[in-house]
C-alpha atoms as a PDB file:
ATOM      1  CA  MET A   1      97.232  97.066  93.122  1.00  0.00           C
ATOM      2  CA  ASP A   2      95.181  94.059  92.062  1.00  0.00           C
ATOM      3  CA  VAL A   3      92.552  95.155  89.482  1.00  0.00           C
ATOM      4  CA  ILE A   4      89.230  93.314  89.086  1.00  0.00           C
ATOM      5  CA  ASP A   5      86.162  94.653  87.268  1.00  0.00           C
ATOM      6  CA  PHE A   6      83.114  94.446  89.507  1.00  0.00           C
ATOM      7  CA  SER A   7      80.868  96.682  87.390  1.00  0.00           C
ATOM      8  CA  ARG A   8      78.621  93.761  86.439  1.00  0.00           C
ATOM      9  CA  SER A   9      78.503  92.112  89.806  1.00  0.00           C
ATOM     10  CA  ASN A  10      75.059  91.780  91.394  1.00  0.00           C
ATOM     11  CA  ALA A  11      76.498  92.207  94.914  1.00  0.00           C
ATOM     12  CA  CYS A  12      78.106  95.550  93.881  1.00  0.00           C
ATOM     13  CA  ALA A  13      75.303  96.821  91.565  1.00  0.00           C
ATOM     14  CA  GLY A  14      74.066  99.373  94.011  1.00  0.00           C
ATOM     15  CA  LEU A  15      77.404 101.096  94.456  1.00  0.00           C
ATOM     16  CA  SER A  16      78.994 103.762  92.285  1.00  0.00           C
ATOM     17  CA  PRO A  17      82.207 103.026  90.486  1.00  0.00           C
ATOM     18  CA  ALA A  18      84.116 105.255  92.838  1.00  0.00           C
ATOM     19  CA  ASP A  19      82.767 103.457  95.917  1.00  0.00           C
ATOM     20  CA  ARG A  20      83.602 100.062  94.328  1.00  0.00           C
ATOM     21  CA  ALA A  21      87.103 101.331  93.800  1.00  0.00           C
ATOM     22  CA  VAL A  22      87.297 102.333  97.503  1.00  0.00           C
ATOM     23  CA  LEU A  23      86.135  98.910  98.612  1.00  0.00           C
ATOM     24  CA  GLY A  24      88.695  97.352  96.252  1.00  0.00           C
ATOM     25  CA  GLU A  25      91.465  99.375  97.904  1.00  0.00           C
ATOM     26  CA  ALA A  26      90.165  98.402 101.323  1.00  0.00           C
ATOM     27  CA  ALA A  27      90.139  94.705 100.330  1.00  0.00           C
ATOM     28  CA  VAL A  28      93.754  94.920  99.137  1.00  0.00           C
ATOM     29  CA  LYS A  29      94.725  96.506 102.494  1.00  0.00           C
ATOM     30  CA  LEU A  30      92.883  93.705 104.346  1.00  0.00           C
ATOM     31  CA  LEU A  31      94.730  90.987 102.546  1.00  0.00           C
ATOM     32  CA  ASP A  32      98.091  92.737 102.954  1.00  0.00           C
ATOM     33  CA  ALA A  33      97.619  93.526 106.682  1.00  0.00           C
ATOM     34  CA  ARG A  34      99.736  90.608 107.789  1.00  0.00           C
ATOM     35  CA  ASN A  35     102.958  91.774 106.100  1.00  0.00           C
ATOM     36  CA  VAL A  36     106.610  90.646 106.210  1.00  0.00           C
ATOM     37  CA  ILE A  37     107.203  92.553 109.453  1.00  0.00           C
ATOM     38  CA  VAL A  38     104.402  90.666 111.145  1.00  0.00           C
ATOM     39  CA  ARG A  39     105.859  87.339 110.058  1.00  0.00           C
ATOM     40  CA  ILE A  40     109.303  88.279 111.356  1.00  0.00           C
ATOM     41  CA  ALA A  41     107.835  89.442 114.674  1.00  0.00           C
ATOM     42  CA  GLU A  42     105.803  86.273 114.900  1.00  0.00           C
ATOM     43  CA  SER A  43     108.961  84.190 114.414  1.00  0.00           C
ATOM     44  CA  LEU A  44     110.761  86.141 117.117  1.00  0.00           C
ATOM     45  CA  GLY A  45     107.853  85.763 119.392  1.00  0.00           C
ATOM     46  CA  ASP A  46     107.708  81.999 118.900  1.00  0.00           C
ATOM     47  CA  LEU A  47     111.277  81.746 120.217  1.00  0.00           C
ATOM     48  CA  THR A  48     110.421  83.363 123.552  1.00  0.00           C
ATOM     49  CA  SER A  49     106.678  82.923 124.119  1.00  0.00           C
ATOM     50  CA  LYS A  50     106.928  79.451 125.687  1.00  0.00           C
ATOM     51  CA  MET A  51     109.372  80.683 128.313  1.00  0.00           C
ATOM     52  CA  GLY A  52     107.259  83.801 128.721  1.00  0.00           C
ATOM     53  CA  GLY A  53     104.189  81.666 129.453  1.00  0.00           C
ATOM     54  CA  GLY A  54     106.115  79.969 132.239  1.00  0.00           C
ATOM     55  CA  ALA A  55     107.085  83.314 133.735  1.00  0.00           C
ATOM     56  CA  ALA A  56     103.492  84.537 133.638  1.00  0.00           C
ATOM     57  CA  GLN A  57     102.312  81.390 135.373  1.00  0.00           C
ATOM     58  CA  PHE A  58     105.068  81.766 138.009  1.00  0.00           C
ATOM     59  CA  LEU A  59     103.853  85.306 138.759  1.00  0.00           C
ATOM     60  CA  ASP A  60     100.297  84.104 139.119  1.00  0.00           C
ATOM     61  CA  ASP A  61     101.178  81.092 141.342  1.00  0.00           C
ATOM     62  CA  LYS A  62     103.708  82.817 143.641  1.00  0.00           C
ATOM     63  CA  PHE A  63     102.489  86.412 143.811  1.00  0.00           C
ATOM     64  CA  GLY A  64      98.909  86.306 142.597  1.00  0.00           C
ATOM     65  CA  ILE A  65      99.644  88.576 139.672  1.00  0.00           C
ATOM     66  CA  ASP A  66      97.181  87.835 136.902  1.00  0.00           C
ATOM     67  CA  VAL A  67      98.927  89.079 133.773  1.00  0.00           C
ATOM     68  CA  ALA A  68      95.908  88.578 131.491  1.00  0.00           C
ATOM     69  CA  GLY A  69      93.615  90.291 134.005  1.00  0.00           C
ATOM     70  CA  LYS A  70      96.034  93.206 134.266  1.00  0.00           C
ATOM     71  CA  ILE A  71      96.086  93.617 130.530  1.00  0.00           C
ATOM     72  CA  GLN A  72      92.291  93.785 130.335  1.00  0.00           C
ATOM     73  CA  GLU A  73      92.095  96.195 133.283  1.00  0.00           C
ATOM     74  CA  VAL A  74      94.588  98.732 131.795  1.00  0.00           C
ATOM     75  CA  THR A  75      93.062  98.417 128.311  1.00  0.00           C
ATOM     76  CA  GLN A  76      89.509  98.993 129.633  1.00  0.00           C
ATOM     77  CA  THR A  77      90.660 102.107 131.570  1.00  0.00           C
ATOM     78  CA  LEU A  78      92.388 103.573 128.522  1.00  0.00           C
ATOM     79  CA  LEU A  79      89.396 102.953 126.262  1.00  0.00           C
ATOM     80  CA  SER A  80      87.026 104.509 128.868  1.00  0.00           C
ATOM     81  CA  HIS A  81      89.132 107.615 129.027  1.00  0.00           C
ATOM     82  CA  PHE A  82      89.211 107.814 125.272  1.00  0.00           C
ATOM     83  CA  MET A  83      85.402 107.750 125.156  1.00  0.00           C
ATOM     84  CA  THR A  84      85.290 110.665 127.649  1.00  0.00           C
ATOM     85  CA  GLY A  85      87.597 112.824 125.490  1.00  0.00           C
ATOM     86  CA  ALA A  86      91.120 112.161 126.627  1.00  0.00           C
ATOM     87  CA  LEU A  87      92.844 113.140 123.407  1.00  0.00           C
ATOM     88  CA  THR A  88      95.249 115.767 124.699  1.00  0.00           C
ATOM     89  CA  GLY A  89      96.592 118.042 121.941  1.00  0.00           C
ATOM     90  CA  MET A  90      94.593 116.419 119.107  1.00  0.00           C
ATOM     91  CA  ASP A  91      92.524 118.850 117.129  1.00  0.00           C
ATOM     92  CA  ALA A  92      89.411 117.418 115.539  1.00  0.00           C
ATOM     93  CA  GLU A  93      89.906 119.756 112.558  1.00  0.00           C
ATOM     94  CA  GLY A  94      93.623 118.895 112.082  1.00  0.00           C
ATOM     95  CA  ALA A  95      95.007 117.009 109.078  1.00  0.00           C
ATOM     96  CA  GLY A  96      94.734 113.250 109.647  1.00  0.00           C
ATOM     97  CA  ASP A  97      97.011 110.269 109.203  1.00  0.00           C
ATOM     98  CA  ARG A  98     100.257 112.264 109.491  1.00  0.00           C
ATOM     99  CA  TRP A  99     101.814 110.816 112.605  1.00  0.00           C
ATOM    100  CA  GLY A 100     101.932 107.019 111.888  1.00  0.00           C
ATOM    101  CA  TRP A 101     105.723 107.018 111.835  1.00  0.00           C
ATOM    102  CA  LEU A 102     105.963 108.693 115.263  1.00  0.00           C
ATOM    103  CA  HIS A 103     103.548 106.294 116.891  1.00  0.00           C
ATOM    104  CA  LYS A 104     105.506 103.374 115.441  1.00  0.00           C
ATOM    105  CA  SER A 105     108.769 104.767 116.806  1.00  0.00           C
ATOM    106  CA  ILE A 106     107.378 105.276 120.282  1.00  0.00           C
ATOM    107  CA  VAL A 107     105.951 101.771 120.620  1.00  0.00           C
ATOM    108  CA  MET A 108     109.089 100.176 119.180  1.00  0.00           C
ATOM    109  CA  LEU A 109     111.210 101.949 121.841  1.00  0.00           C
ATOM    110  CA  SER A 110     108.713 100.977 124.550  1.00  0.00           C
ATOM    111  CA  GLY A 111     108.694  97.314 123.370  1.00  0.00           C
ATOM    112  CA  ALA A 112     112.444  97.091 123.225  1.00  0.00           C
ATOM    113  CA  THR A 113     113.024  98.572 126.657  1.00  0.00           C
ATOM    114  CA  SER A 114     110.199  96.574 128.286  1.00  0.00           C
ATOM    115  CA  GLY A 115     111.387  93.362 126.603  1.00  0.00           C
ATOM    116  CA  PHE A 116     114.869  93.927 127.914  1.00  0.00           C
ATOM    117  CA  VAL A 117     113.679  93.774 131.516  1.00  0.00           C
ATOM    118  CA  GLY A 118     110.983  91.114 130.949  1.00  0.00           C
ATOM    119  CA  LEU A 119     107.521  91.002 132.524  1.00  0.00           C
ATOM    120  CA  PRO A 120     108.037  94.067 134.789  1.00  0.00           C
ATOM    121  CA  GLY A 121     108.172  96.072 131.588  1.00  0.00           C
ATOM    122  CA  LEU A 122     104.466  95.399 131.203  1.00  0.00           C
ATOM    123  CA  LEU A 123     103.940  98.228 133.655  1.00  0.00           C
ATOM    124  CA  TRP A 124     104.896 100.849 131.109  1.00  0.00           C
ATOM    125  CA  ASP A 125     104.671  99.075 127.731  1.00  0.00           C
ATOM    126  CA  LEU A 126     101.002  98.126 127.943  1.00  0.00           C
ATOM    127  CA  PRO A 127      99.612 101.642 128.554  1.00  0.00           C
ATOM    128  CA  ILE A 128     102.164 103.205 126.133  1.00  0.00           C
ATOM    129  CA  THR A 129     101.396 100.726 123.339  1.00  0.00           C
ATOM    130  CA  THR A 130      97.612 100.730 123.793  1.00  0.00           C
ATOM    131  CA  GLY A 131      97.485 104.497 124.247  1.00  0.00           C
ATOM    132  CA  ASN A 132      99.520 105.142 121.060  1.00  0.00           C
ATOM    133  CA  ILE A 133      97.423 102.707 119.009  1.00  0.00           C
ATOM    134  CA  LEU A 134      94.337 104.663 120.210  1.00  0.00           C
ATOM    135  CA  ARG A 135      95.858 108.007 119.291  1.00  0.00           C
ATOM    136  CA  SER A 136      97.096 106.746 115.962  1.00  0.00           C
ATOM    137  CA  VAL A 137      93.631 105.344 115.066  1.00  0.00           C
ATOM    138  CA  ALA A 138      92.034 108.686 116.103  1.00  0.00           C
ATOM    139  CA  ASP A 139      94.575 110.558 114.008  1.00  0.00           C
ATOM    140  CA  ILE A 140      93.790 108.336 110.968  1.00  0.00           C
ATOM    141  CA  SER A 141      90.039 108.961 111.398  1.00  0.00           C
ATOM    142  CA  ARG A 142      90.565 112.660 110.824  1.00  0.00           C
ATOM    143  CA  ALA A 143      91.634 111.936 107.242  1.00  0.00           C
ATOM    144  CA  TYR A 144      88.192 110.633 106.332  1.00  0.00           C
ATOM    145  CA  PRO A 145      85.196 112.912 105.514  1.00  0.00           C
ATOM    146  CA  GLY A 146      82.300 112.382 107.904  1.00  0.00           C
ATOM    147  CA  GLU A 147      84.385 111.364 110.899  1.00  0.00           C
ATOM    148  CA  ASN A 148      84.836 113.620 113.895  1.00  0.00           C
ATOM    149  CA  ILE A 149      86.843 112.604 116.919  1.00  0.00           C
ATOM    150  CA  ASP A 150      84.654 114.938 119.008  1.00  0.00           C
ATOM    151  CA  SER A 151      81.662 112.734 118.296  1.00  0.00           C
ATOM    152  CA  GLU A 152      80.730 109.525 120.159  1.00  0.00           C
ATOM    153  CA  ASP A 153      80.048 107.759 116.918  1.00  0.00           C
ATOM    154  CA  THR A 154      83.634 108.206 115.603  1.00  0.00           C
ATOM    155  CA  ARG A 155      85.130 107.344 119.004  1.00  0.00           C
ATOM    156  CA  ARG A 156      83.097 104.146 119.106  1.00  0.00           C
ATOM    157  CA  ALA A 157      84.408 103.427 115.623  1.00  0.00           C
ATOM    158  CA  CYS A 158      87.983 103.943 116.832  1.00  0.00           C
ATOM    159  CA  ILE A 159      87.440 101.532 119.710  1.00  0.00           C
ATOM    160  CA  GLU A 160      85.886  98.872 117.352  1.00  0.00           C
ATOM    161  CA  ILE A 161      89.371  98.537 115.839  1.00  0.00           C
ATOM    162  CA  PHE A 162      90.488  96.839 119.061  1.00  0.00           C
ATOM    163  CA  ALA A 163      87.982  94.023 118.638  1.00  0.00           C
ATOM    164  CA  MET A 164      88.977  93.220 115.070  1.00  0.00           C
ATOM    165  CA  GLY A 165      91.415  90.350 115.391  1.00  0.00           C
ATOM    166  CA  SER A 166      95.171  90.063 115.682  1.00  0.00           C
ATOM    167  CA  PRO A 167      98.136  90.528 113.318  1.00  0.00           C
ATOM    168  CA  LEU A 168      99.288  87.143 114.561  1.00  0.00           C
ATOM    169  CA  ALA A 169      96.133  85.373 113.341  1.00  0.00           C
ATOM    170  CA  ASP A 170      95.506  83.637 109.967  1.00  0.00           C
ATOM    171  CA  ASP A 171      93.884  86.127 107.592  1.00  0.00           C
ATOM    172  CA  ASP A 172      91.813  83.632 105.553  1.00  0.00           C
ATOM    173  CA  GLU A 173      88.558  84.726 107.287  1.00  0.00           C
ATOM    174  CA  ALA A 174      89.672  88.259 108.095  1.00  0.00           C
ATOM    175  CA  ASP A 175      86.755  89.874 106.316  1.00  0.00           C
ATOM    176  CA  ILE A 176      84.253  87.679 108.197  1.00  0.00           C
ATOM    177  CA  GLY A 177      85.860  88.546 111.450  1.00  0.00           C
ATOM    178  CA  TYR A 178      85.689  92.245 110.626  1.00  0.00           C
ATOM    179  CA  TRP A 179      81.901  92.152 110.103  1.00  0.00           C
ATOM    180  CA  ALA A 180      81.338  89.806 113.076  1.00  0.00           C
ATOM    181  CA  ALA A 181      83.162  92.262 115.342  1.00  0.00           C
ATOM    182  CA  ARG A 182      81.062  95.145 114.119  1.00  0.00           C
ATOM    183  CA  ALA A 183      77.790  93.235 114.456  1.00  0.00           C
ATOM    184  CA  SER A 184      78.478  92.208 118.019  1.00  0.00           C
ATOM    185  CA  LEU A 185      79.304  95.782 119.122  1.00  0.00           C
ATOM    186  CA  SER A 186      76.871  97.831 117.073  1.00  0.00           C
ATOM    187  CA  HIS A 187      74.026  98.073 119.575  1.00  0.00           C
ATOM    188  CA  ALA A 188      75.930  97.539 122.853  1.00  0.00           C
ATOM    189  CA  SER A 189      75.789 100.066 125.632  1.00  0.00           C
ATOM    190  CA  VAL A 190      78.959 102.189 126.060  1.00  0.00           C
ATOM    191  CA  GLU A 191      79.987 100.227 129.164  1.00  0.00           C
ATOM    192  CA  PHE A 192      79.500  96.766 127.552  1.00  0.00           C
ATOM    193  CA  PHE A 193      81.006  98.010 124.291  1.00  0.00           C
ATOM    194  CA  ILE A 194      84.238  99.007 126.040  1.00  0.00           C
ATOM    195  CA  LYS A 195      84.454  95.845 128.115  1.00  0.00           C
ATOM    196  CA  THR A 196      83.944  93.664 125.082  1.00  0.00           C
ATOM    197  CA  ALA A 197      86.627  95.452 122.994  1.00  0.00           C
ATOM    198  CA  ALA A 198      89.043  95.517 125.979  1.00  0.00           C
ATOM    199  CA  ALA A 199      88.527  91.721 126.533  1.00  0.00           C
ATOM    200  CA  ARG A 200      89.196  90.871 122.862  1.00  0.00           C
ATOM    201  CA  PHE A 201      92.219  93.152 122.670  1.00  0.00           C
ATOM    202  CA  GLY A 202      93.497  91.734 125.983  1.00  0.00           C
ATOM    203  CA  VAL A 203      93.517  88.200 124.525  1.00  0.00           C
ATOM    204  CA  VAL A 204      95.407  89.457 121.441  1.00  0.00           C
ATOM    205  CA  ILE A 205      97.985  91.546 123.492  1.00  0.00           C
ATOM    206  CA  SER A 206      98.626  88.658 125.882  1.00  0.00           C
ATOM    207  CA  GLU A 207     100.289  86.790 123.005  1.00  0.00           C
ATOM    208  CA  LYS A 208     102.597  89.742 122.514  1.00  0.00           C
ATOM    209  CA  ILE A 209     103.373  90.183 126.199  1.00  0.00           C
ATOM    210  CA  LEU A 210     104.427  86.576 126.628  1.00  0.00           C
ATOM    211  CA  ALA A 211     106.787  86.869 123.660  1.00  0.00           C
ATOM    212  CA  GLN A 212     108.737  89.639 125.358  1.00  0.00           C
ATOM    213  CA  ALA A 213     108.546  88.325 128.916  1.00  0.00           C
ATOM    214  CA  ILE A 214     112.077  86.987 129.095  1.00  0.00           C
ATOM    215  CA  PRO A 215     114.662  89.679 130.111  1.00  0.00           C
ATOM    216  CA  VAL A 216     117.103  90.682 127.344  1.00  0.00           C
ATOM    217  CA  ALA A 217     115.824  87.989 124.906  1.00  0.00           C
ATOM    218  CA  GLY A 218     112.479  89.735 124.701  1.00  0.00           C
ATOM    219  CA  ALA A 219     113.892  93.089 123.586  1.00  0.00           C
ATOM    220  CA  ALA A 220     114.042  92.311 119.848  1.00  0.00           C
ATOM    221  CA  ALA A 221     110.638  90.564 120.037  1.00  0.00           C
ATOM    222  CA  GLY A 222     109.171  93.492 121.917  1.00  0.00           C
ATOM    223  CA  ALA A 223     110.283  96.118 119.380  1.00  0.00           C
ATOM    224  CA  ALA A 224     109.279  93.995 116.346  1.00  0.00           C
ATOM    225  CA  LEU A 225     105.924  92.978 117.769  1.00  0.00           C
ATOM    226  CA  ASN A 226     105.053  96.509 118.765  1.00  0.00           C
ATOM    227  CA  TYR A 227     105.813  97.728 115.283  1.00  0.00           C
ATOM    228  CA  ALA A 228     103.743  94.924 113.807  1.00  0.00           C
ATOM    229  CA  PHE A 229     100.825  95.586 116.136  1.00  0.00           C
ATOM    230  CA  MET A 230     100.836  99.300 115.377  1.00  0.00           C
ATOM    231  CA  ASP A 231     101.147  98.800 111.651  1.00  0.00           C
ATOM    232  CA  TYR A 232      98.313  96.269 111.676  1.00  0.00           C
ATOM    233  CA  TYR A 233      95.867  98.379 113.635  1.00  0.00           C
ATOM    234  CA  GLN A 234      96.669 101.429 111.577  1.00  0.00           C
ATOM    235  CA  GLU A 235      95.763  99.483 108.443  1.00  0.00           C
ATOM    236  CA  MET A 236      92.594  98.116 110.010  1.00  0.00           C
ATOM    237  CA  ALA A 237      91.626 101.719 110.908  1.00  0.00           C
ATOM    238  CA  ARG A 238      92.065 102.835 107.311  1.00  0.00           C
ATOM    239  CA  ILE A 239      89.993  99.876 106.150  1.00  0.00           C
ATOM    240  CA  HIS A 240      87.326 100.583 108.750  1.00  0.00           C
ATOM    241  CA  PHE A 241      86.942 104.270 107.966  1.00  0.00           C
ATOM    242  CA  MET A 242      86.999 103.687 104.177  1.00  0.00           C
ATOM    243  CA  ILE A 243      84.116 101.192 104.555  1.00  0.00           C
ATOM    244  CA  ARG A 244      82.224 103.504 106.852  1.00  0.00           C
ATOM    245  CA  GLY A 245      82.522 106.258 104.234  1.00  0.00           C
ATOM    246  CA  VAL A 246      81.031 104.030 101.589  1.00  0.00           C
ATOM    247  CA  GLU A 247      78.231 103.050 103.908  1.00  0.00           C
ATOM    248  CA  ARG A 248      77.562 106.714 104.610  1.00  0.00           C
ATOM    249  CA  ARG A 249      77.356 107.681 100.935  1.00  0.00           C
ATOM    250  CA  THR A 250      75.285 104.770  99.515  1.00  0.00           C
ATOM    251  CA  PRO A 251      71.419 104.796  99.677  1.00  0.00           C
ATOM    252  CA  ASP A 252      71.461 101.178 100.896  1.00  0.00           C
ATOM    253  CA  PRO A 253      74.351 100.548 103.320  1.00  0.00           C
ATOM    254  CA  SER A 254      73.402  96.834 103.592  1.00  0.00           C
ATOM    255  CA  CYS A 255      74.764  96.227 100.098  1.00  0.00           C
ATOM    256  CA  VAL A 256      78.327  97.198 101.213  1.00  0.00           C
ATOM    257  CA  ARG A 257      79.079  94.006 103.098  1.00  0.00           C
ATOM    258  CA  PRO A 258      78.214  91.469 100.269  1.00  0.00           C
ATOM    259  CA  CYS A 259      80.121  93.647  97.748  1.00  0.00           C
ATOM    260  CA  PHE A 260      83.171  93.857  99.993  1.00  0.00           C
ATOM    261  CA  GLY A 261      82.960  90.075 100.650  1.00  0.00           C
ATOM    262  CA  GLU A 262      82.863  89.325  96.959  1.00  0.00           C
ATOM    263  CA  ILE A 263      85.838  91.590  96.188  1.00  0.00           C
ATOM    264  CA  VAL A 264      87.884  90.080  99.017  1.00  0.00           C
ATOM    265  CA  GLY A 265      87.013  86.558  97.777  1.00  0.00           C
ATOM    266  CA  ALA A 266      87.955  87.429  94.151  1.00  0.00           C
ATOM    267  CA  LEU A 267      91.246  88.986  95.139  1.00  0.00           C
ATOM    268  CA  ARG A 268      92.128  85.983  97.316  1.00  0.00           C
ATOM    269  CA  GLN A 269      91.433  83.631  94.375  1.00  0.00           C
ATOM    270  CA  GLN A 270      93.442  85.810  92.025  1.00  0.00           C
ATOM    271  CA  ARG A 271      96.464  85.759  94.330  1.00  0.00           C
ATOM    272  CA  ALA A 272      96.193  82.013  94.778  1.00  0.00           C
ATOM    273  CA  ARG A 273      96.730  81.347  91.028  1.00  0.00           C
END
């Protein structure tokens, strides 16, 4: 792990050494979130997404099937059910962050099978992928003191993950995007909160769907992209809950953002040398 001493930083002065270390770990995770798997998946997606875009337009023109609208509709329904407690078999007191591998395996299989048949595979891949990301994020939350998946606050925190960018986007401003997403959702009503998160995730997932829209050719892209998406949102969940924990412990939560921003900036400069 990259090591930088922030003990004399004005931005981090109000935080304990332990909490500065937590933010340092979260910053490393943020900068590493777009990993090699994501780049491979992105390359595979580029090979098929142009054809996929044509297929989506054909469905819209000939049959009135709005792929982007369908994505947002399904996502919004799943997020709404999550807020009302649809976490079958998940114990709030259970050990957290244990099933990441299983969720990755499920979405890879779903992506491969749906990509093999093309756009019709959206019918099962979208709810399976979105639902498993939700369950994985909720599972991860249980590993962090102060989070409780039976509480509305933690469930809202889980849904916030869906508004925090894409593994296919440039990460230069990832930390700014993280805080911007939180700020825009912090005081929203539950209904608007869910609609906003679903809309943002819908735009992100549309990129993935188009890359696996061509039968057979989309199978590899579907499996790789689903793995990449799951891995990315799992890491974003860990970052989110680590930062929430620091905010919960410090007397002045407002100092967390500038400290985190300074750490991210310093790490980015260090890696650029």
